[in-house]
């Protein structure tokens, strides 16, 4: 299996695990989105908390130029840590939510 195919599989495994987490509020649904053609992957929440609309990502990952770009990570454990545990080299993971000038200091890829 080539590198990109393996990355896609691992990203989808991680998203699947996070999509199974039950929320306390049954009116908020968890959605898993995997666009394997353009390499966009998300877990997001949508619903209502009393009179307030809830909508937003928990995780957003893209694969760009052979690297995994974590655009947003709202988890406690950290998706980057989960990817490293699976064997993905840190230089292939970009923490896109860090400013480009600061990425050289985070121990992961710079993009």
PDB file of N, CA and C in Angstrom:
ATOM      1  N   UNK A   1       0.849  -1.176   0.000  1.00  0.00           N
ATOM      2  CA  UNK A   1       0.000   0.000   0.000  1.00  0.00           C
ATOM      3  C   UNK A   1       0.893   1.237   0.000  1.00  0.00           C
ATOM      4  N   UNK A   2       0.620   2.167  -0.905  1.00  0.00           N
ATOM      5  CA  UNK A   2       1.453   3.365  -0.964  1.00  0.00           C
ATOM      6  C   UNK A   2       1.149   4.298   0.219  1.00  0.00           C
ATOM      7  N   UNK A   3       2.028   5.269   0.413  1.00  0.00           N
ATOM      8  CA  UNK A   3       1.968   6.167   1.572  1.00  0.00           C
ATOM      9  C   UNK A   3       0.637   6.916   1.657  1.00  0.00           C
ATOM     10  N   UNK A   4       0.188   7.518   0.565  1.00  0.00           N
ATOM     11  CA  UNK A   4      -1.046   8.306   0.597  1.00  0.00           C
ATOM     12  C   UNK A   4      -2.265   7.444   0.904  1.00  0.00           C
ATOM     13  N   UNK A   5      -2.315   6.256   0.341  1.00  0.00           N
ATOM     14  CA  UNK A   5      -3.421   5.339   0.622  1.00  0.00           C
ATOM     15  C   UNK A   5      -3.430   4.976   2.100  1.00  0.00           C
ATOM     16  N   UNK A   6      -2.258   4.729   2.663  1.00  0.00           N
ATOM     17  CA  UNK A   6      -2.158   4.400   4.092  1.00  0.00           C
ATOM     18  C   UNK A   6      -2.585   5.592   4.946  1.00  0.00           C
ATOM     19  N   UNK A   7      -2.149   6.793   4.582  1.00  0.00           N
ATOM     20  CA  UNK A   7      -2.545   8.000   5.327  1.00  0.00           C
ATOM     21  C   UNK A   7      -4.062   8.168   5.317  1.00  0.00           C
ATOM     22  N   UNK A   8      -4.678   7.972   4.149  1.00  0.00           N
ATOM     23  CA  UNK A   8      -6.133   8.090   4.049  1.00  0.00           C
ATOM     24  C   UNK A   8      -6.826   7.097   4.972  1.00  0.00           C
ATOM     25  N   UNK A   9      -6.345   5.874   4.988  1.00  0.00           N
ATOM     26  CA  UNK A   9      -6.936   4.835   5.856  1.00  0.00           C
ATOM     27  C   UNK A   9      -6.809   5.214   7.322  1.00  0.00           C
ATOM     28  N   UNK A  10      -5.628   5.642   7.733  1.00  0.00           N
ATOM     29  CA  UNK A  10      -5.415   5.992   9.140  1.00  0.00           C
ATOM     30  C   UNK A  10      -6.248   7.201   9.554  1.00  0.00           C
ATOM     31  N   UNK A  11      -6.337   8.198   8.688  1.00  0.00           N
ATOM     32  CA  UNK A  11      -7.166   9.371   8.995  1.00  0.00           C
ATOM     33  C   UNK A  11      -8.613   8.940   9.184  1.00  0.00           C
ATOM     34  N   UNK A  12      -9.102   8.087   8.304  1.00  0.00           N
ATOM     35  CA  UNK A  12     -10.482   7.631   8.412  1.00  0.00           C
ATOM     36  C   UNK A  12     -10.714   6.798   9.671  1.00  0.00           C
ATOM     37  N   UNK A  13      -9.727   6.005  10.075  1.00  0.00           N
ATOM     38  CA  UNK A  13      -9.826   5.241  11.330  1.00  0.00           C
ATOM     39  C   UNK A  13      -9.957   6.176  12.525  1.00  0.00           C
ATOM     40  N   UNK A  14      -9.130   7.219  12.543  1.00  0.00           N
ATOM     41  CA  UNK A  14      -9.168   8.181  13.648  1.00  0.00           C
ATOM     42  C   UNK A  14     -10.513   8.903  13.666  1.00  0.00           C
ATOM     43  N   UNK A  15     -10.981   9.339  12.503  1.00  0.00           N
ATOM     44  CA  UNK A  15     -12.268  10.019  12.441  1.00  0.00           C
ATOM     45  C   UNK A  15     -13.399   9.103  12.893  1.00  0.00           C
ATOM     46  N   UNK A  16     -13.335   7.854  12.509  1.00  0.00           N
ATOM     47  CA  UNK A  16     -14.373   6.898  12.917  1.00  0.00           C
ATOM     48  C   UNK A  16     -14.431   6.789  14.439  1.00  0.00           C
ATOM     49  N   UNK A  17     -13.284   6.670  15.079  1.00  0.00           N
ATOM     50  CA  UNK A  17     -13.255   6.584  16.551  1.00  0.00           C
ATOM     51  C   UNK A  17     -13.871   7.822  17.188  1.00  0.00           C
ATOM     52  N   UNK A  18     -13.509   8.992  16.676  1.00  0.00           N
ATOM     53  CA  UNK A  18     -14.032  10.233  17.253  1.00  0.00           C
ATOM     54  C   UNK A  18     -15.517  10.427  16.938  1.00  0.00           C
ATOM     55  N   UNK A  19     -15.987   9.882  15.836  1.00  0.00           N
ATOM     56  CA  UNK A  19     -17.405  10.039  15.479  1.00  0.00           C
ATOM     57  C   UNK A  19     -18.304   9.184  16.360  1.00  0.00           C
ATOM     58  N   UNK A  20     -17.755   8.184  17.016  1.00  0.00           N
ATOM     59  CA  UNK A  20     -18.543   7.290  17.864  1.00  0.00           C
ATOM     60  C   UNK A  20     -18.730   7.813  19.283  1.00  0.00           C
ATOM     61  N   UNK A  21     -18.055   8.900  19.626  1.00  0.00           N
ATOM     62  CA  UNK A  21     -18.184   9.478  20.963  1.00  0.00           C
ATOM     63  C   UNK A  21     -19.585  10.064  21.100  1.00  0.00           C
ATOM     64  N   UNK A  22     -20.313   9.590  22.113  1.00  0.00           N
ATOM     65  CA  UNK A  22     -21.676  10.062  22.346  1.00  0.00           C
ATOM     66  C   UNK A  22     -21.647  11.393  23.081  1.00  0.00           C
ATOM     67  N   UNK A  23     -22.414  12.346  22.590  1.00  0.00           N
ATOM     68  CA  UNK A  23     -22.516  13.644  23.236  1.00  0.00           C
ATOM     69  C   UNK A  23     -23.630  13.607  24.280  1.00  0.00           C
ATOM     70  N   UNK A  24     -23.489  14.398  25.329  1.00  0.00           N
ATOM     71  CA  UNK A  24     -24.500  14.450  26.380  1.00  0.00           C
ATOM     72  C   UNK A  24     -25.823  14.986  25.843  1.00  0.00           C
ATOM     73  N   UNK A  25     -25.754  15.921  24.916  1.00  0.00           N
ATOM     74  CA  UNK A  25     -26.951  16.516  24.335  1.00  0.00           C
ATOM     75  C   UNK A  25     -27.357  15.711  23.103  1.00  0.00           C
ATOM     76  N   UNK A  26     -28.481  15.025  23.184  1.00  0.00           N
ATOM     77  CA  UNK A  26     -28.953  14.202  22.073  1.00  0.00           C
ATOM     78  C   UNK A  26     -29.431  15.023  20.877  1.00  0.00           C
ATOM     79  N   UNK A  27     -29.590  16.325  21.066  1.00  0.00           N
ATOM     80  CA  UNK A  27     -30.034  17.197  19.976  1.00  0.00           C
ATOM     81  C   UNK A  27     -28.876  17.673  19.102  1.00  0.00           C
ATOM     82  N   UNK A  28     -27.671  17.287  19.464  1.00  0.00           N
ATOM     83  CA  UNK A  28     -26.490  17.624  18.664  1.00  0.00           C
ATOM     84  C   UNK A  28     -25.984  16.341  18.022  1.00  0.00           C
ATOM     85  N   UNK A  29     -25.923  16.337  16.715  1.00  0.00           N
ATOM     86  CA  UNK A  29     -25.486  15.160  15.972  1.00  0.00           C
ATOM     87  C   UNK A  29     -24.019  15.283  15.592  1.00  0.00           C
ATOM     88  N   UNK A  30     -23.373  14.142  15.428  1.00  0.00           N
ATOM     89  CA  UNK A  30     -21.973  14.081  15.016  1.00  0.00           C
ATOM     90  C   UNK A  30     -21.938  13.569  13.577  1.00  0.00           C
ATOM     91  N   UNK A  31     -21.276  14.317  12.710  1.00  0.00           N
ATOM     92  CA  UNK A  31     -21.167  13.953  11.300  1.00  0.00           C
ATOM     93  C   UNK A  31     -19.709  13.667  10.943  1.00  0.00           C
ATOM     94  N   UNK A  32     -19.513  12.644  10.139  1.00  0.00           N
ATOM     95  CA  UNK A  32     -18.181  12.312   9.623  1.00  0.00           C
ATOM     96  C   UNK A  32     -18.209  12.561   8.119  1.00  0.00           C
ATOM     97  N   UNK A  33     -17.235  13.312   7.638  1.00  0.00           N
ATOM     98  CA  UNK A  33     -17.158  13.668   6.227  1.00  0.00           C
ATOM     99  C   UNK A  33     -15.787  13.261   5.699  1.00  0.00           C
ATOM    100  N   UNK A  34     -15.751  12.409   4.670  1.00  0.00           N
ATOM    101  CA  UNK A  34     -14.489  11.957   4.081  1.00  0.00           C
ATOM    102  C   UNK A  34     -14.566  12.114   2.565  1.00  0.00           C
ATOM    103  N   UNK A  35     -13.843  13.072   2.037  1.00  0.00           N
ATOM    104  CA  UNK A  35     -13.741  13.271   0.593  1.00  0.00           C
ATOM    105  C   UNK A  35     -12.376  12.725   0.172  1.00  0.00           C
ATOM    106  N   UNK A  36     -12.352  11.466  -0.213  1.00  0.00           N
ATOM    107  CA  UNK A  36     -11.086  10.812  -0.563  1.00  0.00           C
ATOM    108  C   UNK A  36     -10.586  11.209  -1.944  1.00  0.00           C
ATOM    109  N   UNK A  37     -11.431  11.861  -2.755  1.00  0.00           N
ATOM    110  CA  UNK A  37     -10.997  12.312  -4.068  1.00  0.00           C
ATOM    111  C   UNK A  37     -10.144  13.581  -3.960  1.00  0.00           C
ATOM    112  N   UNK A  38     -10.575  14.503  -3.084  1.00  0.00           N
ATOM    113  CA  UNK A  38      -9.847  15.766  -2.918  1.00  0.00           C
ATOM    114  C   UNK A  38      -9.137  15.852  -1.572  1.00  0.00           C
ATOM    115  N   UNK A  39      -9.208  14.769  -0.809  1.00  0.00           N
ATOM    116  CA  UNK A  39      -8.502  14.635   0.476  1.00  0.00           C
ATOM    117  C   UNK A  39      -8.878  15.700   1.510  1.00  0.00           C
ATOM    118  N   UNK A  40     -10.180  15.779   1.801  1.00  0.00           N
ATOM    119  CA  UNK A  40     -10.695  16.622   2.878  1.00  0.00           C
ATOM    120  C   UNK A  40     -11.445  15.711   3.844  1.00  0.00           C
ATOM    121  N   UNK A  41     -11.175  15.849   5.133  1.00  0.00           N
ATOM    122  CA  UNK A  41     -11.751  14.964   6.139  1.00  0.00           C
ATOM    123  C   UNK A  41     -12.192  15.785   7.340  1.00  0.00           C
ATOM    124  N   UNK A  42     -13.421  15.521   7.835  1.00  0.00           N
ATOM    125  CA  UNK A  42     -13.931  16.292   8.968  1.00  0.00           C
ATOM    126  C   UNK A  42     -14.831  15.459   9.865  1.00  0.00           C
ATOM    127  N   UNK A  43     -14.835  15.838  11.123  1.00  0.00           N
ATOM    128  CA  UNK A  43     -15.882  15.480  12.071  1.00  0.00           C
ATOM    129  C   UNK A  43     -16.463  16.817  12.499  1.00  0.00           C
ATOM    130  N   UNK A  44     -17.784  16.955  12.410  1.00  0.00           N
ATOM    131  CA  UNK A  44     -18.385  18.196  12.883  1.00  0.00           C
ATOM    132  C   UNK A  44     -19.690  17.918  13.606  1.00  0.00           C
ATOM    133  N   UNK A  45     -20.095  18.876  14.411  1.00  0.00           N
ATOM    134  CA  UNK A  45     -21.316  18.784  15.207  1.00  0.00           C
ATOM    135  C   UNK A  45     -22.348  19.750  14.652  1.00  0.00           C
ATOM    136  N   UNK A  46     -23.610  19.335  14.700  1.00  0.00           N
ATOM    137  CA  UNK A  46     -24.701  20.207  14.285  1.00  0.00           C
ATOM    138  C   UNK A  46     -25.943  19.879  15.103  1.00  0.00           C
ATOM    139  N   UNK A  47     -26.608  20.914  15.550  1.00  0.00           N
ATOM    140  CA  UNK A  47     -27.838  20.708  16.310  1.00  0.00           C
ATOM    141  C   UNK A  47     -28.186  21.927  17.127  1.00  0.00           C
ATOM    142  N   UNK A  48     -28.955  21.686  18.188  1.00  0.00           N
ATOM    143  CA  UNK A  48     -29.438  22.773  19.033  1.00  0.00           C
ATOM    144  C   UNK A  48     -29.190  22.473  20.495  1.00  0.00           C
ATOM    145  N   UNK A  49     -28.775  23.499  21.212  1.00  0.00           N
ATOM    146  CA  UNK A  49     -28.648  23.445  22.664  1.00  0.00           C
ATOM    147  C   UNK A  49     -29.595  24.513  23.204  1.00  0.00           C
ATOM    148  N   UNK A  50     -30.790  24.054  23.598  1.00  0.00           N
ATOM    149  CA  UNK A  50     -31.914  24.936  23.951  1.00  0.00           C
ATOM    150  C   UNK A  50     -32.213  25.841  22.756  1.00  0.00           C
ATOM    151  N   UNK A  51     -31.931  27.142  22.865  1.00  0.00           N
ATOM    152  CA  UNK A  51     -32.242  28.080  21.779  1.00  0.00           C
ATOM    153  C   UNK A  51     -30.997  28.505  20.988  1.00  0.00           C
ATOM    154  N   UNK A  52     -29.893  27.831  21.228  1.00  0.00           N
ATOM    155  CA  UNK A  52     -28.633  28.203  20.585  1.00  0.00           C
ATOM    156  C   UNK A  52     -28.257  27.148  19.552  1.00  0.00           C
ATOM    157  N   UNK A  53     -27.972  27.601  18.344  1.00  0.00           N
ATOM    158  CA  UNK A  53     -27.529  26.701  17.268  1.00  0.00           C
ATOM    159  C   UNK A  53     -26.090  26.289  17.523  1.00  0.00           C
ATOM    160  N   UNK A  54     -25.842  24.997  17.410  1.00  0.00           N
ATOM    161  CA  UNK A  54     -24.489  24.453  17.545  1.00  0.00           C
ATOM    162  C   UNK A  54     -24.093  23.902  16.183  1.00  0.00           C
ATOM    163  N   UNK A  55     -22.998  24.406  15.652  1.00  0.00           N
ATOM    164  CA  UNK A  55     -22.487  23.904  14.384  1.00  0.00           C
ATOM    165  C   UNK A  55     -21.009  24.231  14.307  1.00  0.00           C
ATOM    166  N   UNK A  56     -20.193  23.228  14.087  1.00  0.00           N
ATOM    167  CA  UNK A  56     -18.772  23.487  13.932  1.00  0.00           C
ATOM    168  C   UNK A  56     -17.951  22.217  13.945  1.00  0.00           C
ATOM    169  N   UNK A  57     -16.704  22.357  13.548  1.00  0.00           N
ATOM    170  CA  UNK A  57     -15.832  21.187  13.439  1.00  0.00           C
ATOM    171  C   UNK A  57     -15.283  20.743  14.791  1.00  0.00           C
ATOM    172  N   UNK A  58     -15.042  19.455  14.893  1.00  0.00           N
ATOM    173  CA  UNK A  58     -14.235  18.905  15.973  1.00  0.00           C
ATOM    174  C   UNK A  58     -12.834  18.634  15.421  1.00  0.00           C
ATOM    175  N   UNK A  59     -12.797  18.121  14.196  1.00  0.00           N
ATOM    176  CA  UNK A  59     -11.528  17.810  13.510  1.00  0.00           C
ATOM    177  C   UNK A  59     -11.680  18.182  12.034  1.00  0.00           C
ATOM    178  N   UNK A  60     -10.654  18.816  11.478  1.00  0.00           N
ATOM    179  CA  UNK A  60     -10.598  19.068  10.031  1.00  0.00           C
ATOM    180  C   UNK A  60      -9.168  18.765   9.583  1.00  0.00           C
ATOM    181  N   UNK A  61      -9.046  17.831   8.657  1.00  0.00           N
ATOM    182  CA  UNK A  61      -7.742  17.400   8.130  1.00  0.00           C
ATOM    183  C   UNK A  61      -7.793  17.430   6.611  1.00  0.00           C
ATOM    184  N   UNK A  62      -6.718  17.895   5.991  1.00  0.00           N
ATOM    185  CA  UNK A  62      -6.548  17.818   4.543  1.00  0.00           C
ATOM    186  C   UNK A  62      -5.225  17.100   4.261  1.00  0.00           C
ATOM    187  N   UNK A  63      -5.138  16.467   3.118  1.00  0.00           N
ATOM    188  CA  UNK A  63      -3.852  15.976   2.620  1.00  0.00           C
ATOM    189  C   UNK A  63      -3.476  16.890   1.463  1.00  0.00           C
ATOM    190  N   UNK A  64      -2.348  17.577   1.623  1.00  0.00           N
ATOM    191  CA  UNK A  64      -1.874  18.527   0.613  1.00  0.00           C
ATOM    192  C   UNK A  64      -0.421  18.195   0.290  1.00  0.00           C
ATOM    193  N   UNK A  65      -0.132  17.970  -0.975  1.00  0.00           N
ATOM    194  CA  UNK A  65       1.233  17.659  -1.426  1.00  0.00           C
ATOM    195  C   UNK A  65       1.882  16.552  -0.602  1.00  0.00           C
ATOM    196  N   UNK A  66       1.109  15.506  -0.310  1.00  0.00           N
ATOM    197  CA  UNK A  66       1.652  14.338   0.374  1.00  0.00           C
ATOM    198  C   UNK A  66       1.813  14.477   1.881  1.00  0.00           C
ATOM    199  N   UNK A  67       1.378  15.611   2.434  1.00  0.00           N
ATOM    200  CA  UNK A  67       1.474  15.822   3.878  1.00  0.00           C
ATOM    201  C   UNK A  67       0.082  15.961   4.468  1.00  0.00           C
ATOM    202  N   UNK A  68      -0.038  15.596   5.724  1.00  0.00           N
ATOM    203  CA  UNK A  68      -1.298  15.707   6.444  1.00  0.00           C
ATOM    204  C   UNK A  68      -1.338  17.068   7.117  1.00  0.00           C
ATOM    205  N   UNK A  69      -2.310  17.880   6.730  1.00  0.00           N
ATOM    206  CA  UNK A  69      -2.488  19.225   7.286  1.00  0.00           C
ATOM    207  C   UNK A  69      -3.655  19.187   8.261  1.00  0.00           C
ATOM    208  N   UNK A  70      -3.377  19.365   9.525  1.00  0.00           N
ATOM    209  CA  UNK A  70      -4.435  19.418  10.530  1.00  0.00           C
ATOM    210  C   UNK A  70      -4.887  20.877  10.616  1.00  0.00           C
ATOM    211  N   UNK A  71      -6.038  21.143  10.024  1.00  0.00           N
ATOM    212  CA  UNK A  71      -6.554  22.506   9.964  1.00  0.00           C
ATOM    213  C   UNK A  71      -7.197  22.916  11.281  1.00  0.00           C
ATOM    214  N   UNK A  72      -7.827  21.950  11.942  1.00  0.00           N
ATOM    215  CA  UNK A  72      -8.468  22.223  13.222  1.00  0.00           C
ATOM    216  C   UNK A  72      -8.497  20.940  14.042  1.00  0.00           C
ATOM    217  N   UNK A  73      -8.230  21.064  15.330  1.00  0.00           N
ATOM    218  CA  UNK A  73      -8.249  19.909  16.227  1.00  0.00           C
ATOM    219  C   UNK A  73      -8.854  20.335  17.555  1.00  0.00           C
ATOM    220  N   UNK A  74     -10.071  19.911  17.797  1.00  0.00           N
ATOM    221  CA  UNK A  74     -10.746  20.239  19.045  1.00  0.00           C
ATOM    222  C   UNK A  74     -10.768  19.084  20.026  1.00  0.00           C
ATOM    223  N   UNK A  75      -9.867  18.114  19.849  1.00  0.00           N
ATOM    224  CA  UNK A  75      -9.815  16.962  20.745  1.00  0.00           C
ATOM    225  C   UNK A  75      -8.840  17.221  21.884  1.00  0.00           C
ATOM    226  N   UNK A  76      -8.971  16.434  22.941  1.00  0.00           N
ATOM    227  CA  UNK A  76      -8.052  16.577  24.073  1.00  0.00           C
ATOM    228  C   UNK A  76      -6.722  15.877  23.813  1.00  0.00           C
ATOM    229  N   UNK A  77      -6.768  14.701  23.214  1.00  0.00           N
ATOM    230  CA  UNK A  77      -5.546  13.914  23.016  1.00  0.00           C
ATOM    231  C   UNK A  77      -4.665  14.502  21.914  1.00  0.00           C
ATOM    232  N   UNK A  78      -5.277  15.100  20.914  1.00  0.00           N
ATOM    233  CA  UNK A  78      -4.527  15.664  19.790  1.00  0.00           C
ATOM    234  C   UNK A  78      -4.404  14.665  18.655  1.00  0.00           C
ATOM    235  N   UNK A  79      -4.985  15.012  17.525  1.00  0.00           N
ATOM    236  CA  UNK A  79      -4.953  14.139  16.356  1.00  0.00           C
ATOM    237  C   UNK A  79      -3.519  13.906  15.892  1.00  0.00           C
ATOM    238  N   UNK A  80      -2.670  14.922  15.978  1.00  0.00           N
ATOM    239  CA  UNK A  80      -1.265  14.754  15.570  1.00  0.00           C
ATOM    240  C   UNK A  80      -0.612  13.645  16.383  1.00  0.00           C
ATOM    241  N   UNK A  81      -0.888  13.595  17.671  1.00  0.00           N
ATOM    242  CA  UNK A  81      -0.322  12.540  18.523  1.00  0.00           C
ATOM    243  C   UNK A  81      -0.836  11.166  18.108  1.00  0.00           C
ATOM    244  N   UNK A  82      -2.107  11.083  17.753  1.00  0.00           N
ATOM    245  CA  UNK A  82      -2.669   9.810  17.299  1.00  0.00           C
ATOM    246  C   UNK A  82      -2.008   9.355  15.995  1.00  0.00           C
ATOM    247  N   UNK A  83      -1.761  10.310  15.095  1.00  0.00           N
ATOM    248  CA  UNK A  83      -1.116   9.975  13.821  1.00  0.00           C
ATOM    249  C   UNK A  83       0.319   9.507  14.024  1.00  0.00           C
ATOM    250  N   UNK A  84       1.035  10.155  14.922  1.00  0.00           N
ATOM    251  CA  UNK A  84       2.418   9.754  15.228  1.00  0.00           C
ATOM    252  C   UNK A  84       2.437   8.351  15.822  1.00  0.00           C
ATOM    253  N   UNK A  85       1.483   8.048  16.704  1.00  0.00           N
ATOM    254  CA  UNK A  85       1.403   6.704  17.293  1.00  0.00           C
ATOM    255  C   UNK A  85       1.178   5.631  16.234  1.00  0.00           C
ATOM    256  N   UNK A  86       0.515   5.991  15.139  1.00  0.00           N
ATOM    257  CA  UNK A  86       0.289   5.046  14.049  1.00  0.00           C
ATOM    258  C   UNK A  86       1.531   4.854  13.184  1.00  0.00           C
ATOM    259  N   UNK A  87       2.533   5.717  13.350  1.00  0.00           N
ATOM    260  CA  UNK A  87       3.773   5.573  12.596  1.00  0.00           C
ATOM    261  C   UNK A  87       4.019   6.644  11.551  1.00  0.00           C
ATOM    262  N   UNK A  88       3.191   7.668  11.518  1.00  0.00           N
ATOM    263  CA  UNK A  88       3.393   8.740  10.539  1.00  0.00           C
ATOM    264  C   UNK A  88       4.503   9.658  11.041  1.00  0.00           C
ATOM    265  N   UNK A  89       5.515   9.914  10.225  1.00  0.00           N
ATOM    266  CA  UNK A  89       6.608  10.793  10.652  1.00  0.00           C
ATOM    267  C   UNK A  89       6.101  12.213  10.918  1.00  0.00           C
ATOM    268  N   UNK A  90       6.653  12.836  11.953  1.00  0.00           N
ATOM    269  CA  UNK A  90       6.229  14.192  12.313  1.00  0.00           C
ATOM    270  C   UNK A  90       6.406  15.174  11.161  1.00  0.00           C
ATOM    271  N   UNK A  91       7.414  14.983  10.319  1.00  0.00           N
ATOM    272  CA  UNK A  91       7.638  15.923   9.226  1.00  0.00           C
ATOM    273  C   UNK A  91       6.543  15.829   8.159  1.00  0.00           C
ATOM    274  N   UNK A  92       5.721  14.771   8.193  1.00  0.00           N
ATOM    275  CA  UNK A  92       4.597  14.632   7.254  1.00  0.00           C
ATOM    276  C   UNK A  92       3.285  15.162   7.834  1.00  0.00           C
ATOM    277  N   UNK A  93       3.351  15.750   9.031  1.00  0.00           N
ATOM    278  CA  UNK A  93       2.160  16.301   9.683  1.00  0.00           C
ATOM    279  C   UNK A  93       2.387  17.798   9.878  1.00  0.00           C
ATOM    280  N   UNK A  94       1.471  18.604   9.355  1.00  0.00           N
ATOM    281  CA  UNK A  94       1.561  20.061   9.494  1.00  0.00           C
ATOM    282  C   UNK A  94       0.425  20.521  10.402  1.00  0.00           C
ATOM    283  N   UNK A  95       0.777  21.238  11.452  1.00  0.00           N
ATOM    284  CA  UNK A  95      -0.233  21.815  12.337  1.00  0.00           C
ATOM    285  C   UNK A  95      -0.635  23.163  11.747  1.00  0.00           C
ATOM    286  N   UNK A  96      -1.589  23.122  10.825  1.00  0.00           N
ATOM    287  CA  UNK A  96      -1.967  24.312  10.050  1.00  0.00           C
ATOM    288  C   UNK A  96      -2.598  25.395  10.915  1.00  0.00           C
ATOM    289  N   UNK A  97      -3.042  25.034  12.107  1.00  0.00           N
ATOM    290  CA  UNK A  97      -3.624  26.033  13.008  1.00  0.00           C
ATOM    291  C   UNK A  97      -2.551  26.847  13.725  1.00  0.00           C
ATOM    292  N   UNK A  98      -1.293  26.480  13.556  1.00  0.00           N
ATOM    293  CA  UNK A  98      -0.182  27.308  14.033  1.00  0.00           C
ATOM    294  C   UNK A  98       0.228  28.264  12.916  1.00  0.00           C
ATOM    295  N   UNK A  99       0.603  29.464  13.273  1.00  0.00           N
ATOM    296  CA  UNK A  99       1.058  30.443  12.288  1.00  0.00           C
ATOM    297  C   UNK A  99       2.266  29.886  11.533  1.00  0.00           C
ATOM    298  N   UNK A 100       2.357  30.126  10.215  1.00  0.00           N
ATOM    299  CA  UNK A 100       3.472  29.592   9.435  1.00  0.00           C
ATOM    300  C   UNK A 100       4.845  29.919  10.025  1.00  0.00           C
ATOM    301  N   UNK A 101       5.011  31.091  10.566  1.00  0.00           N
ATOM    302  CA  UNK A 101       6.308  31.482  11.119  1.00  0.00           C
ATOM    303  C   UNK A 101       6.645  30.690  12.391  1.00  0.00           C
ATOM    304  N   UNK A 102       5.626  30.151  13.074  1.00  0.00           N
ATOM    305  CA  UNK A 102       5.841  29.426  14.328  1.00  0.00           C
ATOM    306  C   UNK A 102       5.988  27.919  14.131  1.00  0.00           C
ATOM    307  N   UNK A 103       5.647  27.409  12.975  1.00  0.00           N
ATOM    308  CA  UNK A 103       5.656  25.954  12.749  1.00  0.00           C
ATOM    309  C   UNK A 103       7.038  25.330  12.899  1.00  0.00           C
ATOM    310  N   UNK A 104       8.070  26.101  12.652  1.00  0.00           N
ATOM    311  CA  UNK A 104       9.431  25.565  12.775  1.00  0.00           C
ATOM    312  C   UNK A 104       9.753  25.165  14.211  1.00  0.00           C
ATOM    313  N   UNK A 105       8.971  25.635  15.167  1.00  0.00           N
ATOM    314  CA  UNK A 105       9.233  25.370  16.578  1.00  0.00           C
ATOM    315  C   UNK A 105       8.332  24.304  17.190  1.00  0.00           C
ATOM    316  N   UNK A 106       7.330  23.800  16.436  1.00  0.00           N
ATOM    317  CA  UNK A 106       6.371  22.872  17.047  1.00  0.00           C
ATOM    318  C   UNK A 106       6.756  21.397  16.922  1.00  0.00           C
ATOM    319  N   UNK A 107       7.853  21.106  16.232  1.00  0.00           N
ATOM    320  CA  UNK A 107       8.306  19.720  16.131  1.00  0.00           C
ATOM    321  C   UNK A 107       7.652  18.915  15.018  1.00  0.00           C
ATOM    322  N   UNK A 108       6.785  19.550  14.242  1.00  0.00           N
ATOM    323  CA  UNK A 108       6.106  18.885  13.144  1.00  0.00           C
ATOM    324  C   UNK A 108       6.529  19.540  11.829  1.00  0.00           C
ATOM    325  N   UNK A 109       5.919  19.107  10.717  1.00  0.00           N
ATOM    326  CA  UNK A 109       6.255  19.663   9.413  1.00  0.00           C
ATOM    327  C   UNK A 109       5.896  21.137   9.315  1.00  0.00           C
ATOM    328  N   UNK A 110       6.592  21.841   8.420  1.00  0.00           N
ATOM    329  CA  UNK A 110       6.342  23.268   8.257  1.00  0.00           C
ATOM    330  C   UNK A 110       5.467  23.575   7.041  1.00  0.00           C
ATOM    331  N   UNK A 111       5.241  22.595   6.199  1.00  0.00           N
ATOM    332  CA  UNK A 111       4.358  22.826   5.047  1.00  0.00           C
ATOM    333  C   UNK A 111       5.042  22.932   3.744  1.00  0.00           C
TER     334      UNK A 111
END
